[in-house]
Amino acid sequence: MARSKASALDALKKLRDEKVKLAARETELKAAAAGELGRMLVETGAEALDPAKLRALIKRTLELGIDPALERLTPAR
């Protein structure tokens, strides 16, 4: 019985260690993603937009969905 307790404790420690590593990797990936998005914004000239308005635009676009938002922005023919 003591063996299963020890292995459960070892598994829990291993899991916690993995969570710490995953959290660090997530932070690295978020920074890389932010860099990629920032480059896209600069390449399209969006850096000139007011940050609060850009944030609101993105939030609303995500609420509507990309395709419906693009349809609303596309002029009628």
Protein backbone atom coordinates (compact mmCIF):
# COMPACT_ATOMS: atom_id res chain seq x y z
CA MET A 1 0.00 0.00 0.00
CA ALA A 2 2.84 2.41 0.79
CA ARG A 3 4.21 1.87 -2.71
CA SER A 4 1.03 3.18 -4.37
CA LYS A 5 1.03 6.22 -2.11
CA ALA A 6 4.62 6.98 -3.04
CA SER A 7 3.92 6.55 -6.73
CA ALA A 8 0.84 8.76 -6.43
CA LEU A 9 2.92 11.40 -4.67
CA ASP A 10 5.62 11.09 -7.34
CA ALA A 11 3.01 11.41 -10.08
CA LEU A 12 1.56 14.49 -8.41
CA LYS A 13 5.01 16.09 -8.13
CA LYS A 14 5.72 15.28 -11.77
CA LEU A 15 2.38 16.75 -12.81
CA ARG A 16 3.05 19.97 -10.90
CA ASP A 17 6.51 20.25 -12.46
CA GLU A 18 4.98 19.79 -15.91
CA LYS A 19 2.38 22.48 -15.17
CA VAL A 20 5.15 24.94 -14.28
CA LYS A 21 6.99 24.12 -17.52
CA LEU A 22 3.77 24.44 -19.54
CA ALA A 23 2.99 27.80 -17.96
CA ALA A 24 6.47 29.05 -18.88
CA ARG A 25 6.06 27.76 -22.44
CA GLU A 26 2.66 29.43 -22.69
CA THR A 27 4.23 32.74 -21.66
CA GLU A 28 6.91 32.35 -24.32
CA LEU A 29 4.34 31.53 -27.00
CA LYS A 30 2.11 34.44 -26.03
CA ALA A 31 5.07 36.81 -26.38
CA ALA A 32 5.92 35.34 -29.79
CA ALA A 33 2.28 35.60 -30.90
CA ALA A 34 2.14 39.21 -29.74
CA GLY A 35 5.22 39.96 -31.80
CA GLU A 36 3.67 38.38 -34.88
CA LEU A 37 0.43 40.29 -34.41
CA GLY A 38 2.32 43.52 -33.81
CA ARG A 39 4.23 43.07 -37.07
CA MET A 40 0.95 42.49 -38.91
CA LEU A 41 -0.49 45.67 -37.43
CA VAL A 42 2.55 47.70 -38.46
CA GLU A 43 2.58 46.17 -41.96
CA THR A 44 -1.06 47.15 -42.49
CA GLY A 45 -0.74 50.64 -41.04
CA ALA A 46 -3.00 49.81 -38.09
CA GLU A 47 -0.48 51.24 -35.62
CA ALA A 48 -2.03 54.63 -36.41
CA LEU A 49 -5.35 53.54 -34.89
CA ASP A 50 -6.34 54.51 -31.38
CA PRO A 51 -5.49 51.45 -29.21
CA ALA A 52 -8.83 51.56 -27.38
CA LYS A 53 -10.75 51.66 -30.65
CA LEU A 54 -8.65 48.87 -32.14
CA ARG A 55 -9.27 46.75 -29.05
CA ALA A 56 -13.02 47.44 -29.30
CA LEU A 57 -13.00 46.60 -33.03
CA ILE A 58 -11.24 43.29 -32.43
CA LYS A 59 -13.50 42.40 -29.50
CA ARG A 60 -16.65 43.15 -31.50
CA THR A 61 -15.31 41.27 -34.53
CA LEU A 62 -14.67 38.19 -32.40
CA GLU A 63 -18.17 38.45 -30.92
CA LEU A 64 -19.75 38.61 -34.39
CA GLY A 65 -17.38 36.16 -36.03
CA ILE A 66 -14.80 37.05 -38.68
CA ASP A 67 -16.93 36.31 -41.76
CA PRO A 68 -20.06 38.15 -40.58
CA ALA A 69 -17.93 41.13 -39.52
CA LEU A 70 -16.22 41.23 -42.93
CA GLU A 71 -19.62 41.04 -44.64
CA ARG A 72 -20.78 44.05 -42.64
CA LEU A 73 -17.66 45.99 -43.63
CA THR A 74 -17.88 45.11 -47.31
CA PRO A 75 -19.86 47.67 -49.32
CA ALA A 76 -22.97 46.43 -51.11
CA ARG A 77 -22.54 45.98 -54.86
